[in-house]
Amino acid sequence: MEIFSKSDIGLVRTQNQDDCRFGVISPSCAWAVVCDGMGGANGGNIASATAVDYISTEIQKMFSEDLSKAELSTLMTEIVSQANREIFNLAQNDVELTGMGTTCEFVLVKDTSCHVVHVGDSRTYAIRGGKIKQLTEDHSVVQEMVRRGEITYEQAQTHPNKNFITRALGIKPDVHLDYIETNFVYGDVLLVCTDGFSNCVSTGDMVKLCHENRGEGLTDKLIEKAKDGGGSDNITVAVIY
């Protein structure tokens, strides 16, 4: 099992408020966390870094190969819930950080299972053969409109409120998290990204690039493609295969 990640400021922003980290626990187990911070001059940076630091430390400390799927689900969601409280408490104690928050994609692959804890509008995709599936559903105003049938998926891609999210870590003392579990087989590619990537790269190009490239060359190509598509936000990707 291999994992690679890269983050880039993009072509428009003056600072990168994304953060990411990953690790390989064993030949059959790897994890990644990708966060997109928001709020104030420094708040976004602090929120995403706090989440990444906390989650990374705790999963390495608490993970055990003999955890059942149910126990792993509980562990991952509790770690992200506690990261939420860490960010919220920081904001409560510093008026300059009021309102800061971050999206979070926390992905762990163990043997033939993929586990995802998701909040916000960063995404996790699964690529198998020539097909791609978005495992996560955006927590956004526009996605709610799609769900209610008010606009189509295609209209959502260019909607002016596309970036208004409805859930994030750090905004409230408690947060509702999505937990997704799916199977993972040899040849699959998991693509974890912030919206600075998914807003600028078509799913067809994601599949093509993941089939034609590997390793750091793949993450370089993914970032390059997002810049070609406008690079209007910070861009972060992680790939597991």
C-alpha atoms as a PDB file:
ATOM      1  CA  MET A   1       0.000   0.000   0.000  1.00  0.00           C
ATOM      2  CA  GLU A   2       1.344   3.412  -0.977  1.00  0.00           C
ATOM      3  CA  ILE A   3       0.225   6.938  -0.119  1.00  0.00           C
ATOM      4  CA  PHE A   4       1.288  10.361  -1.368  1.00  0.00           C
ATOM      5  CA  SER A   5       0.094  13.898  -0.682  1.00  0.00           C
ATOM      6  CA  LYS A   6       0.769  17.427  -1.846  1.00  0.00           C
ATOM      7  CA  SER A   7      -0.569  20.887  -1.025  1.00  0.00           C
ATOM      8  CA  ASP A   8      -0.212  24.097  -3.026  1.00  0.00           C
ATOM      9  CA  ILE A   9      -1.247  27.709  -2.445  1.00  0.00           C
ATOM     10  CA  GLY A  10      -2.836  27.903  -5.901  1.00  0.00           C
ATOM     11  CA  LEU A  11      -2.770  30.938  -8.176  1.00  0.00           C
ATOM     12  CA  VAL A  12      -4.978  33.436  -6.324  1.00  0.00           C
ATOM     13  CA  ARG A  13      -4.696  33.097  -2.530  1.00  0.00           C
ATOM     14  CA  THR A  14      -2.002  34.885  -0.515  1.00  0.00           C
ATOM     15  CA  GLN A  15      -1.654  32.030   2.004  1.00  0.00           C
ATOM     16  CA  ASN A  16      -2.339  28.311   2.135  1.00  0.00           C
ATOM     17  CA  GLN A  17      -4.962  27.468   4.768  1.00  0.00           C
ATOM     18  CA  ASP A  18      -5.117  23.799   3.768  1.00  0.00           C
ATOM     19  CA  ASP A  19      -3.215  21.220   5.797  1.00  0.00           C
ATOM     20  CA  CYS A  20      -2.604  17.508   5.373  1.00  0.00           C
ATOM     21  CA  ARG A  21      -0.681  14.578   6.755  1.00  0.00           C
ATOM     22  CA  PHE A  22      -0.508  10.838   6.170  1.00  0.00           C
ATOM     23  CA  GLY A  23       1.113   7.692   7.446  1.00  0.00           C
ATOM     24  CA  VAL A  24       1.617   4.026   6.683  1.00  0.00           C
ATOM     25  CA  ILE A  25       1.016   1.847   9.728  1.00  0.00           C
ATOM     26  CA  SER A  26       1.720  -1.505   8.078  1.00  0.00           C
ATOM     27  CA  PRO A  27       1.895  -2.961   4.534  1.00  0.00           C
ATOM     28  CA  SER A  28      -1.904  -3.265   4.600  1.00  0.00           C
ATOM     29  CA  CYS A  29      -2.865  -0.145   6.563  1.00  0.00           C
ATOM     30  CA  ALA A  30      -2.492   3.563   5.772  1.00  0.00           C
ATOM     31  CA  TRP A  31      -4.230   6.794   6.746  1.00  0.00           C
ATOM     32  CA  ALA A  32      -4.518  10.391   5.578  1.00  0.00           C
ATOM     33  CA  VAL A  33      -6.113  13.558   6.908  1.00  0.00           C
ATOM     34  CA  VAL A  34      -6.881  16.548   4.678  1.00  0.00           C
ATOM     35  CA  CYS A  35      -8.307  19.816   6.031  1.00  0.00           C
ATOM     36  CA  ASP A  36      -9.340  23.139   4.496  1.00  0.00           C
ATOM     37  CA  GLY A  37      -9.377  25.937   7.060  1.00  0.00           C
ATOM     38  CA  MET A  38     -11.476  29.085   7.100  1.00  0.00           C
ATOM     39  CA  GLY A  39     -11.900  32.200   9.201  1.00  0.00           C
ATOM     40  CA  GLY A  40      -9.851  35.364   9.620  1.00  0.00           C
ATOM     41  CA  ALA A  41      -6.280  36.195   8.709  1.00  0.00           C
ATOM     42  CA  ASN A  42      -4.809  33.361  10.755  1.00  0.00           C
ATOM     43  CA  GLY A  43      -7.860  31.441  11.928  1.00  0.00           C
ATOM     44  CA  GLY A  44      -8.062  29.121   8.941  1.00  0.00           C
ATOM     45  CA  ASN A  45      -4.410  28.165   9.267  1.00  0.00           C
ATOM     46  CA  ILE A  46      -4.774  27.459  12.969  1.00  0.00           C
ATOM     47  CA  ALA A  47      -8.002  25.485  12.597  1.00  0.00           C
ATOM     48  CA  SER A  48      -6.675  23.167   9.886  1.00  0.00           C
ATOM     49  CA  ALA A  49      -3.295  22.718  11.572  1.00  0.00           C
ATOM     50  CA  THR A  50      -4.929  21.976  14.932  1.00  0.00           C
ATOM     51  CA  ALA A  51      -7.171  19.322  13.375  1.00  0.00           C
ATOM     52  CA  VAL A  52      -4.347  17.689  11.435  1.00  0.00           C
ATOM     53  CA  ASP A  53      -1.969  17.687  14.404  1.00  0.00           C
ATOM     54  CA  TYR A  54      -4.531  16.266  16.804  1.00  0.00           C
ATOM     55  CA  ILE A  55      -5.895  13.586  14.482  1.00  0.00           C
ATOM     56  CA  SER A  56      -2.422  12.502  13.346  1.00  0.00           C
ATOM     57  CA  THR A  57      -1.132  12.189  16.888  1.00  0.00           C
ATOM     58  CA  GLU A  58      -4.151  10.309  18.183  1.00  0.00           C
ATOM     59  CA  ILE A  59      -4.492   7.761  15.371  1.00  0.00           C
ATOM     60  CA  GLN A  60      -0.828   6.814  15.672  1.00  0.00           C
ATOM     61  CA  LYS A  61      -1.166   6.527  19.440  1.00  0.00           C
ATOM     62  CA  MET A  62      -4.528   4.736  19.625  1.00  0.00           C
ATOM     63  CA  PHE A  63      -4.653   2.504  16.539  1.00  0.00           C
ATOM     64  CA  SER A  64      -4.269  -1.237  16.953  1.00  0.00           C
ATOM     65  CA  GLU A  65      -4.309  -3.870  14.203  1.00  0.00           C
ATOM     66  CA  ASP A  66      -6.749  -6.004  16.170  1.00  0.00           C
ATOM     67  CA  LEU A  67      -9.509  -3.359  16.287  1.00  0.00           C
ATOM     68  CA  SER A  68     -12.835  -4.551  14.903  1.00  0.00           C
ATOM     69  CA  LYS A  69     -14.598  -2.448  12.260  1.00  0.00           C
ATOM     70  CA  ALA A  70     -17.031  -1.189  14.889  1.00  0.00           C
ATOM     71  CA  GLU A  71     -14.208  -0.265  17.250  1.00  0.00           C
ATOM     72  CA  LEU A  72     -12.323   1.495  14.444  1.00  0.00           C
ATOM     73  CA  SER A  73     -15.444   3.489  13.541  1.00  0.00           C
ATOM     74  CA  THR A  74     -15.836   4.571  17.153  1.00  0.00           C
ATOM     75  CA  LEU A  75     -12.154   5.473  17.458  1.00  0.00           C
ATOM     76  CA  MET A  76     -12.014   7.539  14.263  1.00  0.00           C
ATOM     77  CA  THR A  77     -15.206   9.477  14.961  1.00  0.00           C
ATOM     78  CA  GLU A  78     -14.201  10.169  18.557  1.00  0.00           C
ATOM     79  CA  ILE A  79     -10.784  11.463  17.455  1.00  0.00           C
ATOM     80  CA  VAL A  80     -12.385  13.887  14.980  1.00  0.00           C
ATOM     81  CA  SER A  81     -15.029  14.925  17.541  1.00  0.00           C
ATOM     82  CA  GLN A  82     -12.267  15.745  20.008  1.00  0.00           C
ATOM     83  CA  ALA A  83     -10.376  17.681  17.310  1.00  0.00           C
ATOM     84  CA  ASN A  84     -13.561  19.715  16.891  1.00  0.00           C
ATOM     85  CA  ARG A  85     -13.579  20.550  20.584  1.00  0.00           C
ATOM     86  CA  GLU A  86      -9.887  21.491  20.505  1.00  0.00           C
ATOM     87  CA  ILE A  87     -10.508  24.030  17.726  1.00  0.00           C
ATOM     88  CA  PHE A  88     -13.676  25.360  19.343  1.00  0.00           C
ATOM     89  CA  ASN A  89     -11.909  25.880  22.688  1.00  0.00           C
ATOM     90  CA  LEU A  90      -9.035  27.737  21.028  1.00  0.00           C
ATOM     91  CA  ALA A  91     -11.509  30.112  19.378  1.00  0.00           C
ATOM     92  CA  GLN A  92     -13.340  30.679  22.666  1.00  0.00           C
ATOM     93  CA  ASN A  93     -10.119  31.846  24.289  1.00  0.00           C
ATOM     94  CA  ASP A  94      -8.957  34.218  21.538  1.00  0.00           C
ATOM     95  CA  VAL A  95     -11.287  36.823  20.048  1.00  0.00           C
ATOM     96  CA  GLU A  96      -9.138  37.014  16.895  1.00  0.00           C
ATOM     97  CA  LEU A  97      -9.918  33.360  16.209  1.00  0.00           C
ATOM     98  CA  THR A  98     -13.686  33.635  16.655  1.00  0.00           C
ATOM     99  CA  GLY A  99     -15.543  31.728  13.962  1.00  0.00           C
ATOM    100  CA  MET A 100     -12.581  29.766  12.676  1.00  0.00           C
ATOM    101  CA  GLY A 101     -13.240  26.265  11.411  1.00  0.00           C
ATOM    102  CA  THR A 102     -12.062  23.613   9.004  1.00  0.00           C
ATOM    103  CA  THR A 103     -13.348  20.855   6.775  1.00  0.00           C
ATOM    104  CA  CYS A 104     -11.969  17.399   7.458  1.00  0.00           C
ATOM    105  CA  GLU A 105     -11.415  14.203   5.489  1.00  0.00           C
ATOM    106  CA  PHE A 106      -9.959  11.491   7.719  1.00  0.00           C
ATOM    107  CA  VAL A 107      -9.393   8.328   5.704  1.00  0.00           C
ATOM    108  CA  LEU A 108      -7.985   5.007   6.870  1.00  0.00           C
ATOM    109  CA  VAL A 109      -7.533   1.901   4.730  1.00  0.00           C
ATOM    110  CA  LYS A 110      -7.099  -1.414   6.544  1.00  0.00           C
ATOM    111  CA  ASP A 111      -6.821  -4.630   4.553  1.00  0.00           C
ATOM    112  CA  THR A 112      -9.860  -4.646   2.233  1.00  0.00           C
ATOM    113  CA  SER A 113     -11.830  -1.868   3.961  1.00  0.00           C
ATOM    114  CA  CYS A 114     -11.792   1.902   3.573  1.00  0.00           C
ATOM    115  CA  HIS A 115     -13.063   4.067   6.438  1.00  0.00           C
ATOM    116  CA  VAL A 116     -13.846   7.791   6.069  1.00  0.00           C
ATOM    117  CA  VAL A 117     -14.861  10.425   8.604  1.00  0.00           C
ATOM    118  CA  HIS A 118     -16.116  13.466   6.703  1.00  0.00           C
ATOM    119  CA  VAL A 119     -17.285  16.993   7.479  1.00  0.00           C
ATOM    120  CA  GLY A 120     -17.498  19.995   5.150  1.00  0.00           C
ATOM    121  CA  ASP A 121     -17.001  20.157   1.391  1.00  0.00           C
ATOM    122  CA  SER A 122     -13.632  18.504   0.978  1.00  0.00           C
ATOM    123  CA  ARG A 123     -14.109  15.144  -0.746  1.00  0.00           C
ATOM    124  CA  THR A 124     -13.020  11.526  -0.947  1.00  0.00           C
ATOM    125  CA  TYR A 125     -13.318   9.718  -4.276  1.00  0.00           C
ATOM    126  CA  ALA A 126     -12.831   6.023  -5.073  1.00  0.00           C
ATOM    127  CA  ILE A 127     -11.524   5.096  -8.514  1.00  0.00           C
ATOM    128  CA  ARG A 128     -11.881   1.531  -9.784  1.00  0.00           C
ATOM    129  CA  GLY A 129     -11.122   0.679 -13.386  1.00  0.00           C
ATOM    130  CA  GLY A 130     -12.427   3.528 -15.511  1.00  0.00           C
ATOM    131  CA  LYS A 131     -15.087   4.592 -13.009  1.00  0.00           C
ATOM    132  CA  ILE A 132     -15.017   7.123 -10.188  1.00  0.00           C
ATOM    133  CA  LYS A 133     -17.385   7.398  -7.237  1.00  0.00           C
ATOM    134  CA  GLN A 134     -17.645  10.287  -4.802  1.00  0.00           C
ATOM    135  CA  LEU A 135     -17.849   8.588  -1.412  1.00  0.00           C
ATOM    136  CA  THR A 136     -18.662  11.753   0.527  1.00  0.00           C
ATOM    137  CA  GLU A 137     -21.520  14.205   0.197  1.00  0.00           C
ATOM    138  CA  ASP A 138     -20.759  17.912   0.557  1.00  0.00           C
ATOM    139  CA  HIS A 139     -22.130  19.625   3.639  1.00  0.00           C
ATOM    140  CA  SER A 140     -23.041  22.782   1.758  1.00  0.00           C
ATOM    141  CA  VAL A 141     -25.961  25.097   1.017  1.00  0.00           C
ATOM    142  CA  VAL A 142     -25.856  24.156  -2.653  1.00  0.00           C
ATOM    143  CA  GLN A 143     -25.852  20.408  -1.948  1.00  0.00           C
ATOM    144  CA  GLU A 144     -28.965  20.892   0.182  1.00  0.00           C
ATOM    145  CA  MET A 145     -30.584  22.642  -2.794  1.00  0.00           C
ATOM    146  CA  VAL A 146     -29.680  19.695  -5.021  1.00  0.00           C
ATOM    147  CA  ARG A 147     -31.130  17.258  -2.491  1.00  0.00           C
ATOM    148  CA  ARG A 148     -34.404  19.217  -2.403  1.00  0.00           C
ATOM    149  CA  GLY A 149     -34.568  19.220  -6.199  1.00  0.00           C
ATOM    150  CA  GLU A 150     -34.293  23.000  -6.471  1.00  0.00           C
ATOM    151  CA  ILE A 151     -31.268  22.866  -8.781  1.00  0.00           C
ATOM    152  CA  THR A 152     -29.505  20.158 -10.775  1.00  0.00           C
ATOM    153  CA  TYR A 153     -26.072  18.697 -10.061  1.00  0.00           C
ATOM    154  CA  GLU A 154     -24.770  20.532 -13.124  1.00  0.00           C
ATOM    155  CA  GLN A 155     -26.177  23.869 -11.935  1.00  0.00           C
ATOM    156  CA  ALA A 156     -24.564  23.289  -8.537  1.00  0.00           C
ATOM    157  CA  GLN A 157     -21.090  23.248 -10.097  1.00  0.00           C
ATOM    158  CA  THR A 158     -21.266  26.948 -10.960  1.00  0.00           C
ATOM    159  CA  HIS A 159     -23.698  28.240  -8.327  1.00  0.00           C
ATOM    160  CA  PRO A 160     -22.547  31.516  -6.658  1.00  0.00           C
ATOM    161  CA  ASN A 161     -23.091  30.022  -3.178  1.00  0.00           C
ATOM    162  CA  LYS A 162     -21.139  26.869  -3.967  1.00  0.00           C
ATOM    163  CA  ASN A 163     -18.589  27.464  -1.196  1.00  0.00           C
ATOM    164  CA  PHE A 164     -21.056  28.119   1.645  1.00  0.00           C
ATOM    165  CA  ILE A 165     -20.699  25.084   3.911  1.00  0.00           C
ATOM    166  CA  THR A 166     -23.177  23.968   6.547  1.00  0.00           C
ATOM    167  CA  ARG A 167     -20.859  21.919   8.772  1.00  0.00           C
ATOM    168  CA  ALA A 168     -17.232  22.297   9.839  1.00  0.00           C
ATOM    169  CA  LEU A 169     -14.953  21.439  12.745  1.00  0.00           C
ATOM    170  CA  GLY A 170     -14.582  24.121  15.402  1.00  0.00           C
ATOM    171  CA  ILE A 171     -17.740  26.175  14.866  1.00  0.00           C
ATOM    172  CA  LYS A 172     -19.753  24.584  17.671  1.00  0.00           C
ATOM    173  CA  PRO A 173     -18.774  22.449  20.688  1.00  0.00           C
ATOM    174  CA  ASP A 174     -20.277  19.397  19.000  1.00  0.00           C
ATOM    175  CA  VAL A 175     -20.407  18.456  15.317  1.00  0.00           C
ATOM    176  CA  HIS A 176     -22.361  15.901  13.323  1.00  0.00           C
ATOM    177  CA  LEU A 177     -19.926  13.747  11.350  1.00  0.00           C
ATOM    178  CA  ASP A 178     -20.493  11.437   8.392  1.00  0.00           C
ATOM    179  CA  TYR A 179     -18.888   8.012   8.604  1.00  0.00           C
ATOM    180  CA  ILE A 180     -18.493   6.006   5.414  1.00  0.00           C
ATOM    181  CA  GLU A 181     -17.189   2.479   5.032  1.00  0.00           C
ATOM    182  CA  THR A 182     -16.580   0.798   1.692  1.00  0.00           C
ATOM    183  CA  ASN A 183     -14.503  -2.038   0.292  1.00  0.00           C
ATOM    184  CA  PHE A 184     -10.995  -1.548  -1.036  1.00  0.00           C
ATOM    185  CA  VAL A 185      -9.344  -3.966  -3.446  1.00  0.00           C
ATOM    186  CA  TYR A 186      -6.012  -4.142  -5.220  1.00  0.00           C
ATOM    187  CA  GLY A 187      -5.984  -1.649  -8.080  1.00  0.00           C
ATOM    188  CA  ASP A 188      -8.332   0.828  -6.393  1.00  0.00           C
ATOM    189  CA  VAL A 189      -7.211   4.433  -5.963  1.00  0.00           C
ATOM    190  CA  LEU A 190      -8.552   6.681  -3.211  1.00  0.00           C
ATOM    191  CA  LEU A 191      -8.345  10.385  -3.987  1.00  0.00           C
ATOM    192  CA  VAL A 192      -8.801  12.766  -1.051  1.00  0.00           C
ATOM    193  CA  CYS A 193      -8.949  16.484  -1.821  1.00  0.00           C
ATOM    194  CA  THR A 194     -10.018  19.971  -0.829  1.00  0.00           C
ATOM    195  CA  ASP A 195     -12.522  21.910  -2.940  1.00  0.00           C
ATOM    196  CA  GLY A 196      -9.670  23.894  -4.477  1.00  0.00           C
ATOM    197  CA  PHE A 197      -8.954  20.717  -6.406  1.00  0.00           C
ATOM    198  CA  SER A 198     -12.451  19.327  -7.046  1.00  0.00           C
ATOM    199  CA  ASN A 199     -13.754  22.705  -8.255  1.00  0.00           C
ATOM    200  CA  CYS A 200     -11.066  22.891 -10.932  1.00  0.00           C
ATOM    201  CA  VAL A 201     -10.671  19.305 -12.195  1.00  0.00           C
ATOM    202  CA  SER A 202     -13.318  17.150 -13.870  1.00  0.00           C
ATOM    203  CA  THR A 203     -13.911  13.612 -12.635  1.00  0.00           C
ATOM    204  CA  GLY A 204     -12.885  12.346 -16.057  1.00  0.00           C
ATOM    205  CA  ASP A 205      -9.506  14.014 -15.706  1.00  0.00           C
ATOM    206  CA  MET A 206      -9.154  12.621 -12.181  1.00  0.00           C
ATOM    207  CA  VAL A 207      -9.570   9.079 -13.508  1.00  0.00           C
ATOM    208  CA  LYS A 208      -7.218   9.670 -16.435  1.00  0.00           C
ATOM    209  CA  LEU A 209      -4.445  11.144 -14.304  1.00  0.00           C
ATOM    210  CA  CYS A 210      -4.714   8.414 -11.656  1.00  0.00           C
ATOM    211  CA  HIS A 211      -4.406   5.706 -14.307  1.00  0.00           C
ATOM    212  CA  GLU A 212      -1.488   7.312 -16.129  1.00  0.00           C
ATOM    213  CA  ASN A 213       0.649   8.379 -13.133  1.00  0.00           C
ATOM    214  CA  ARG A 214       1.920   7.092  -9.812  1.00  0.00           C
ATOM    215  CA  GLY A 215       3.678   8.388  -6.703  1.00  0.00           C
ATOM    216  CA  GLU A 216       4.839  11.974  -6.424  1.00  0.00           C
ATOM    217  CA  GLY A 217       4.454  12.264 -10.178  1.00  0.00           C
ATOM    218  CA  LEU A 218       0.716  11.725  -9.720  1.00  0.00           C
ATOM    219  CA  THR A 219       0.280  14.353  -7.010  1.00  0.00           C
ATOM    220  CA  ASP A 220       2.341  16.804  -9.086  1.00  0.00           C
ATOM    221  CA  LYS A 221       0.099  16.204 -12.115  1.00  0.00           C
ATOM    222  CA  LEU A 222      -3.076  16.569 -10.051  1.00  0.00           C
ATOM    223  CA  ILE A 223      -1.947  19.918  -8.639  1.00  0.00           C
ATOM    224  CA  GLU A 224      -0.851  21.072 -12.087  1.00  0.00           C
ATOM    225  CA  LYS A 225      -4.265  20.169 -13.546  1.00  0.00           C
ATOM    226  CA  ALA A 226      -6.072  22.157 -10.849  1.00  0.00           C
ATOM    227  CA  LYS A 227      -3.904  25.177 -11.640  1.00  0.00           C
ATOM    228  CA  ASP A 228      -4.679  24.741 -15.334  1.00  0.00           C
ATOM    229  CA  GLY A 229      -8.351  24.841 -14.312  1.00  0.00           C
ATOM    230  CA  GLY A 230      -7.949  28.209 -12.611  1.00  0.00           C
ATOM    231  CA  GLY A 231      -6.164  27.521  -9.319  1.00  0.00           C
ATOM    232  CA  SER A 232      -8.616  29.863  -7.608  1.00  0.00           C
ATOM    233  CA  ASP A 233      -8.141  28.359  -4.130  1.00  0.00           C
ATOM    234  CA  ASN A 234      -5.597  26.385  -2.131  1.00  0.00           C
ATOM    235  CA  ILE A 235      -5.171  22.906  -3.608  1.00  0.00           C
ATOM    236  CA  THR A 236      -4.526  19.748  -1.591  1.00  0.00           C
ATOM    237  CA  VAL A 237      -4.639  16.107  -2.684  1.00  0.00           C
ATOM    238  CA  ALA A 238      -3.773  12.761  -1.133  1.00  0.00           C
ATOM    239  CA  VAL A 239      -3.841   9.439  -2.980  1.00  0.00           C
ATOM    240  CA  ILE A 240      -3.869   5.934  -1.527  1.00  0.00           C
ATOM    241  CA  TYR A 241      -3.423   2.764  -3.603  1.00  0.00           C
END
